[in-house]
Amino acid sequence: MTETEILQAIRLALSSGPRRLYRNNTGKLADPTGRWVNFGLAVGSGDLIGWRMLTVTPAMVGKTIAQFVSLEVKTPKGRMRREQLLWVDVVKAAGGCAGVAHNVEEAERILRE
């Protein structure tokens, strides 16, 4: 499978119920005046971003919250760039859920952690 096919399989399989994942394209394009415009969340951010719903423990008033999710999708031979590794670490350090997935099962495991 190509990276795009893996990404679509993960997005379709895991974007239901209490979870939502959206394609996060990043890059830059020239506007009509020739100026470069960056798009996407950030350099190194995951291919899929979204949220998963969590129920806060009773000690935290029992509210349900949305937790930020960022998944980088790679083929079995794909390699993470430095910026992508840093992004995963930053999201996790801030209390989000992030990781690299090579298939639907790995993505599901990341979302269960």
N, C-alpha and C. Protein backbone atom coordinates (compact mmCIF):
# COMPACT_ATOMS: atom_id res chain seq x y z
N MET A 1 0.84 -1.19 0.00
CA MET A 1 0.00 0.00 0.00
C MET A 1 0.88 1.25 0.00
N THR A 2 0.40 2.30 -0.65
CA THR A 2 1.11 3.58 -0.61
C THR A 2 0.79 4.29 0.70
N GLU A 3 1.56 5.34 1.01
CA GLU A 3 1.29 6.12 2.22
C GLU A 3 -0.11 6.72 2.17
N THR A 4 -0.53 7.19 1.01
CA THR A 4 -1.86 7.77 0.87
C THR A 4 -2.95 6.73 1.13
N GLU A 5 -2.76 5.53 0.65
CA GLU A 5 -3.74 4.46 0.88
C GLU A 5 -3.80 4.07 2.35
N ILE A 6 -2.64 4.00 3.02
CA ILE A 6 -2.61 3.70 4.45
C ILE A 6 -3.30 4.82 5.23
N LEU A 7 -2.99 6.06 4.88
CA LEU A 7 -3.58 7.23 5.54
C LEU A 7 -5.11 7.20 5.42
N GLN A 8 -5.61 6.94 4.23
CA GLN A 8 -7.06 6.91 4.02
C GLN A 8 -7.70 5.77 4.80
N ALA A 9 -7.05 4.61 4.84
CA ALA A 9 -7.60 3.47 5.60
C ALA A 9 -7.69 3.81 7.08
N ILE A 10 -6.64 4.44 7.62
CA ILE A 10 -6.64 4.84 9.03
C ILE A 10 -7.72 5.88 9.28
N ARG A 11 -7.78 6.90 8.44
CA ARG A 11 -8.76 7.97 8.63
C ARG A 11 -10.18 7.42 8.61
N LEU A 12 -10.49 6.56 7.67
CA LEU A 12 -11.84 6.00 7.58
C LEU A 12 -12.16 5.05 8.72
N ALA A 13 -11.19 4.25 9.13
CA ALA A 13 -11.42 3.28 10.20
C ALA A 13 -11.55 3.92 11.57
N LEU A 14 -10.86 5.03 11.80
CA LEU A 14 -10.78 5.59 13.15
C LEU A 14 -11.46 6.94 13.32
N SER A 15 -12.26 7.37 12.36
CA SER A 15 -12.95 8.67 12.48
C SER A 15 -14.43 8.46 12.71
N SER A 16 -14.74 7.75 13.76
CA SER A 16 -16.15 7.55 14.10
C SER A 16 -16.30 7.57 15.61
N GLY A 17 -17.53 7.66 16.06
CA GLY A 17 -17.79 7.68 17.49
C GLY A 17 -17.11 8.86 18.16
N PRO A 18 -16.31 8.58 19.20
CA PRO A 18 -15.70 9.68 19.96
C PRO A 18 -14.38 10.19 19.39
N ARG A 19 -14.08 9.84 18.15
CA ARG A 19 -12.81 10.26 17.54
C ARG A 19 -13.06 10.91 16.20
N ARG A 20 -12.21 11.87 15.87
CA ARG A 20 -12.25 12.50 14.54
C ARG A 20 -10.81 12.74 14.10
N LEU A 21 -10.50 12.35 12.87
CA LEU A 21 -9.19 12.58 12.29
C LEU A 21 -9.36 13.26 10.95
N TYR A 22 -8.55 14.26 10.69
CA TYR A 22 -8.61 15.03 9.46
C TYR A 22 -7.23 15.09 8.81
N ARG A 23 -7.21 15.14 7.49
CA ARG A 23 -5.96 15.24 6.74
C ARG A 23 -5.34 16.60 6.99
N ASN A 24 -4.06 16.60 7.32
CA ASN A 24 -3.33 17.84 7.59
C ASN A 24 -2.22 17.98 6.55
N ASN A 25 -2.52 18.62 5.45
CA ASN A 25 -1.50 18.90 4.45
C ASN A 25 -0.69 20.10 4.90
N THR A 26 0.62 20.03 4.74
CA THR A 26 1.46 21.16 5.07
C THR A 26 2.37 21.48 3.90
N GLY A 27 2.79 22.72 3.83
CA GLY A 27 3.69 23.14 2.75
C GLY A 27 3.60 24.62 2.52
N LYS A 28 3.96 25.04 1.31
CA LYS A 28 3.85 26.45 0.95
C LYS A 28 3.61 26.58 -0.54
N LEU A 29 2.88 27.63 -0.88
CA LEU A 29 2.56 27.95 -2.27
C LEU A 29 2.72 29.45 -2.47
N ALA A 30 2.97 29.84 -3.69
CA ALA A 30 3.03 31.26 -4.01
C ALA A 30 1.61 31.79 -4.19
N ASP A 31 1.33 32.95 -3.60
CA ASP A 31 0.02 33.59 -3.82
C ASP A 31 0.07 34.34 -5.16
N PRO A 32 -1.05 34.97 -5.56
CA PRO A 32 -1.07 35.66 -6.87
C PRO A 32 -0.01 36.74 -7.04
N THR A 33 0.50 37.27 -5.90
CA THR A 33 1.52 38.32 -5.99
C THR A 33 2.94 37.73 -5.97
N GLY A 34 3.04 36.42 -5.82
CA GLY A 34 4.35 35.77 -5.78
C GLY A 34 4.91 35.55 -4.39
N ARG A 35 4.20 36.02 -3.37
CA ARG A 35 4.66 35.80 -1.99
C ARG A 35 4.34 34.37 -1.57
N TRP A 36 5.25 33.78 -0.80
CA TRP A 36 5.04 32.41 -0.32
C TRP A 36 4.11 32.42 0.88
N VAL A 37 3.15 31.52 0.88
CA VAL A 37 2.19 31.38 1.96
C VAL A 37 2.30 29.96 2.50
N ASN A 38 2.57 29.85 3.80
CA ASN A 38 2.62 28.54 4.45
C ASN A 38 1.21 28.07 4.75
N PHE A 39 0.99 26.77 4.64
CA PHE A 39 -0.31 26.21 5.02
C PHE A 39 -0.10 24.94 5.81
N GLY A 40 -1.12 24.55 6.53
CA GLY A 40 -1.04 23.39 7.40
C GLY A 40 -0.78 23.83 8.83
N LEU A 41 -0.81 22.88 9.72
CA LEU A 41 -0.68 23.20 11.14
C LEU A 41 0.71 23.72 11.50
N ALA A 42 1.74 22.95 11.22
CA ALA A 42 3.11 23.36 11.54
C ALA A 42 4.08 22.41 10.86
N VAL A 43 5.31 22.85 10.68
CA VAL A 43 6.34 21.97 10.12
C VAL A 43 6.50 20.76 11.03
N GLY A 44 6.43 19.58 10.47
CA GLY A 44 6.57 18.35 11.25
C GLY A 44 5.28 17.81 11.81
N SER A 45 4.18 18.57 11.72
CA SER A 45 2.92 18.10 12.30
C SER A 45 2.42 16.86 11.56
N GLY A 46 1.62 16.07 12.24
CA GLY A 46 1.17 14.78 11.72
C GLY A 46 0.32 14.88 10.47
N ASP A 47 0.29 13.78 9.71
CA ASP A 47 -0.54 13.70 8.52
C ASP A 47 -2.02 13.75 8.86
N LEU A 48 -2.37 13.19 10.01
CA LEU A 48 -3.76 13.20 10.48
C LEU A 48 -3.79 13.90 11.83
N ILE A 49 -4.70 14.84 11.98
CA ILE A 49 -4.87 15.51 13.27
C ILE A 49 -6.34 15.49 13.62
N GLY A 50 -6.63 15.62 14.88
CA GLY A 50 -8.02 15.61 15.32
C GLY A 50 -8.09 15.50 16.82
N TRP A 51 -9.06 14.69 17.28
CA TRP A 51 -9.23 14.52 18.72
C TRP A 51 -9.84 13.18 19.02
N ARG A 52 -9.71 12.80 20.30
CA ARG A 52 -10.42 11.65 20.85
C ARG A 52 -11.07 12.13 22.13
N MET A 53 -12.23 11.63 22.41
CA MET A 53 -12.94 12.04 23.62
C MET A 53 -12.48 11.17 24.79
N LEU A 54 -12.25 11.81 25.91
CA LEU A 54 -11.84 11.14 27.13
C LEU A 54 -12.76 11.56 28.26
N THR A 55 -13.03 10.64 29.15
CA THR A 55 -13.79 10.98 30.35
C THR A 55 -12.79 11.23 31.46
N VAL A 56 -12.85 12.41 32.02
CA VAL A 56 -11.95 12.79 33.10
C VAL A 56 -12.34 11.99 34.34
N THR A 57 -11.37 11.64 35.14
CA THR A 57 -11.62 10.84 36.33
C THR A 57 -12.49 11.60 37.33
N PRO A 58 -13.14 10.89 38.24
CA PRO A 58 -13.99 11.56 39.24
C PRO A 58 -13.26 12.65 40.02
N ALA A 59 -11.97 12.43 40.24
CA ALA A 59 -11.20 13.45 40.95
C ALA A 59 -11.09 14.73 40.12
N MET A 60 -11.41 14.62 38.84
CA MET A 60 -11.34 15.79 37.95
C MET A 60 -12.75 16.19 37.52
N VAL A 61 -13.72 15.95 38.34
CA VAL A 61 -15.11 16.38 38.18
C VAL A 61 -15.90 15.51 37.19
N GLY A 62 -15.30 14.52 36.56
CA GLY A 62 -16.03 13.62 35.69
C GLY A 62 -16.45 14.19 34.35
N LYS A 63 -15.81 15.25 33.90
CA LYS A 63 -16.15 15.83 32.61
C LYS A 63 -15.54 15.02 31.47
N THR A 64 -16.19 15.08 30.32
CA THR A 64 -15.63 14.49 29.11
C THR A 64 -14.96 15.61 28.32
N ILE A 65 -13.73 15.36 27.90
CA ILE A 65 -12.97 16.37 27.18
C ILE A 65 -12.48 15.81 25.85
N ALA A 66 -12.09 16.69 24.96
CA ALA A 66 -11.45 16.29 23.71
C ALA A 66 -9.95 16.43 23.88
N GLN A 67 -9.21 15.38 23.56
CA GLN A 67 -7.75 15.39 23.62
C GLN A 67 -7.21 15.48 22.20
N PHE A 68 -6.26 16.37 21.98
CA PHE A 68 -5.64 16.54 20.67
C PHE A 68 -4.93 15.27 20.25
N VAL A 69 -5.09 14.90 18.98
CA VAL A 69 -4.46 13.71 18.41
C VAL A 69 -3.68 14.11 17.16
N SER A 70 -2.48 13.56 17.00
CA SER A 70 -1.67 13.79 15.80
C SER A 70 -1.00 12.48 15.42
N LEU A 71 -1.33 11.96 14.24
CA LEU A 71 -0.73 10.72 13.75
C LEU A 71 0.09 11.00 12.50
N GLU A 72 1.32 10.54 12.51
CA GLU A 72 2.15 10.56 11.31
C GLU A 72 2.00 9.19 10.66
N VAL A 73 1.72 9.17 9.37
CA VAL A 73 1.50 7.92 8.66
C VAL A 73 2.71 7.65 7.76
N LYS A 74 3.20 6.42 7.85
CA LYS A 74 4.36 6.01 7.05
C LYS A 74 4.12 4.62 6.46
N THR A 75 4.75 4.38 5.33
CA THR A 75 4.78 3.03 4.78
C THR A 75 5.73 2.21 5.66
N PRO A 76 5.74 0.89 5.51
CA PRO A 76 6.67 0.09 6.33
C PRO A 76 8.12 0.52 6.19
N LYS A 77 8.52 1.07 5.06
CA LYS A 77 9.90 1.51 4.87
C LYS A 77 10.09 3.00 5.13
N GLY A 78 9.00 3.71 5.46
CA GLY A 78 9.07 5.15 5.67
C GLY A 78 9.87 5.53 6.90
N ARG A 79 10.53 6.65 6.85
CA ARG A 79 11.37 7.15 7.94
C ARG A 79 10.82 8.48 8.46
N MET A 80 10.91 8.66 9.77
CA MET A 80 10.49 9.91 10.38
C MET A 80 11.61 10.94 10.23
N ARG A 81 11.23 12.17 9.85
CA ARG A 81 12.17 13.29 9.81
C ARG A 81 12.32 13.86 11.23
N ARG A 82 13.40 14.58 11.44
CA ARG A 82 13.67 15.19 12.74
C ARG A 82 12.49 16.03 13.22
N GLU A 83 11.93 16.86 12.33
CA GLU A 83 10.81 17.73 12.70
C GLU A 83 9.59 16.91 13.12
N GLN A 84 9.39 15.78 12.49
CA GLN A 84 8.25 14.93 12.83
C GLN A 84 8.43 14.28 14.20
N LEU A 85 9.64 13.83 14.49
CA LEU A 85 9.93 13.26 15.80
C LEU A 85 9.74 14.29 16.91
N LEU A 86 10.22 15.51 16.66
CA LEU A 86 10.04 16.59 17.63
C LEU A 86 8.57 16.90 17.86
N TRP A 87 7.78 16.92 16.77
CA TRP A 87 6.35 17.21 16.88
C TRP A 87 5.66 16.18 17.79
N VAL A 88 5.96 14.90 17.58
CA VAL A 88 5.37 13.85 18.40
C VAL A 88 5.71 14.08 19.86
N ASP A 89 6.96 14.39 20.16
CA ASP A 89 7.39 14.64 21.54
C ASP A 89 6.68 15.84 22.15
N VAL A 90 6.54 16.93 21.38
CA VAL A 90 5.88 18.14 21.88
C VAL A 90 4.41 17.88 22.18
N VAL A 91 3.73 17.19 21.29
CA VAL A 91 2.31 16.89 21.51
C VAL A 91 2.14 16.04 22.75
N LYS A 92 2.95 15.00 22.91
CA LYS A 92 2.86 14.14 24.09
C LYS A 92 3.17 14.92 25.37
N ALA A 93 4.20 15.77 25.33
CA ALA A 93 4.57 16.55 26.51
C ALA A 93 3.46 17.51 26.93
N ALA A 94 2.65 17.94 25.96
CA ALA A 94 1.55 18.87 26.27
C ALA A 94 0.27 18.13 26.67
N GLY A 95 0.33 16.80 26.75
CA GLY A 95 -0.84 16.03 27.17
C GLY A 95 -1.66 15.48 26.03
N GLY A 96 -1.18 15.63 24.80
CA GLY A 96 -1.89 15.10 23.64
C GLY A 96 -1.52 13.66 23.36
N CYS A 97 -2.10 13.13 22.32
CA CYS A 97 -1.86 11.77 21.88
C CYS A 97 -1.21 11.85 20.51
N ALA A 98 -0.02 11.24 20.36
CA ALA A 98 0.70 11.34 19.08
C ALA A 98 1.55 10.11 18.86
N GLY A 99 1.82 9.81 17.59
CA GLY A 99 2.69 8.69 17.26
C GLY A 99 2.76 8.49 15.77
N VAL A 100 3.51 7.46 15.38
CA VAL A 100 3.65 7.10 13.97
C VAL A 100 2.94 5.76 13.76
N ALA A 101 2.16 5.70 12.70
CA ALA A 101 1.40 4.49 12.38
C ALA A 101 1.72 4.03 10.97
N HIS A 102 1.92 2.73 10.83
CA HIS A 102 2.19 2.13 9.53
C HIS A 102 0.97 1.39 9.00
N ASN A 103 -0.08 1.29 9.84
CA ASN A 103 -1.32 0.61 9.45
C ASN A 103 -2.42 0.97 10.44
N VAL A 104 -3.62 0.50 10.17
CA VAL A 104 -4.78 0.81 11.02
C VAL A 104 -4.57 0.29 12.43
N GLU A 105 -4.02 -0.90 12.58
CA GLU A 105 -3.84 -1.49 13.90
C GLU A 105 -2.90 -0.67 14.78
N GLU A 106 -1.81 -0.18 14.20
CA GLU A 106 -0.89 0.67 14.97
C GLU A 106 -1.56 1.98 15.36
N ALA A 107 -2.33 2.55 14.45
CA ALA A 107 -3.04 3.80 14.76
C ALA A 107 -4.03 3.58 15.89
N GLU A 108 -4.74 2.47 15.84
CA GLU A 108 -5.70 2.15 16.91
C GLU A 108 -4.99 1.98 18.24
N ARG A 109 -3.83 1.32 18.24
CA ARG A 109 -3.06 1.14 19.48
C ARG A 109 -2.63 2.49 20.06
N ILE A 110 -2.19 3.40 19.21
CA ILE A 110 -1.80 4.74 19.67
C ILE A 110 -2.98 5.45 20.32
N LEU A 111 -4.15 5.32 19.73
CA LEU A 111 -5.33 5.99 20.27
C LEU A 111 -5.84 5.34 21.55
N ARG A 112 -5.48 4.10 21.82
CA ARG A 112 -5.88 3.42 23.05
C ARG A 112 -4.96 3.74 24.21
N GLU A 113 -3.72 4.17 23.93
CA GLU A 113 -2.73 4.42 25.01
C GLU A 113 -3.17 5.54 25.92
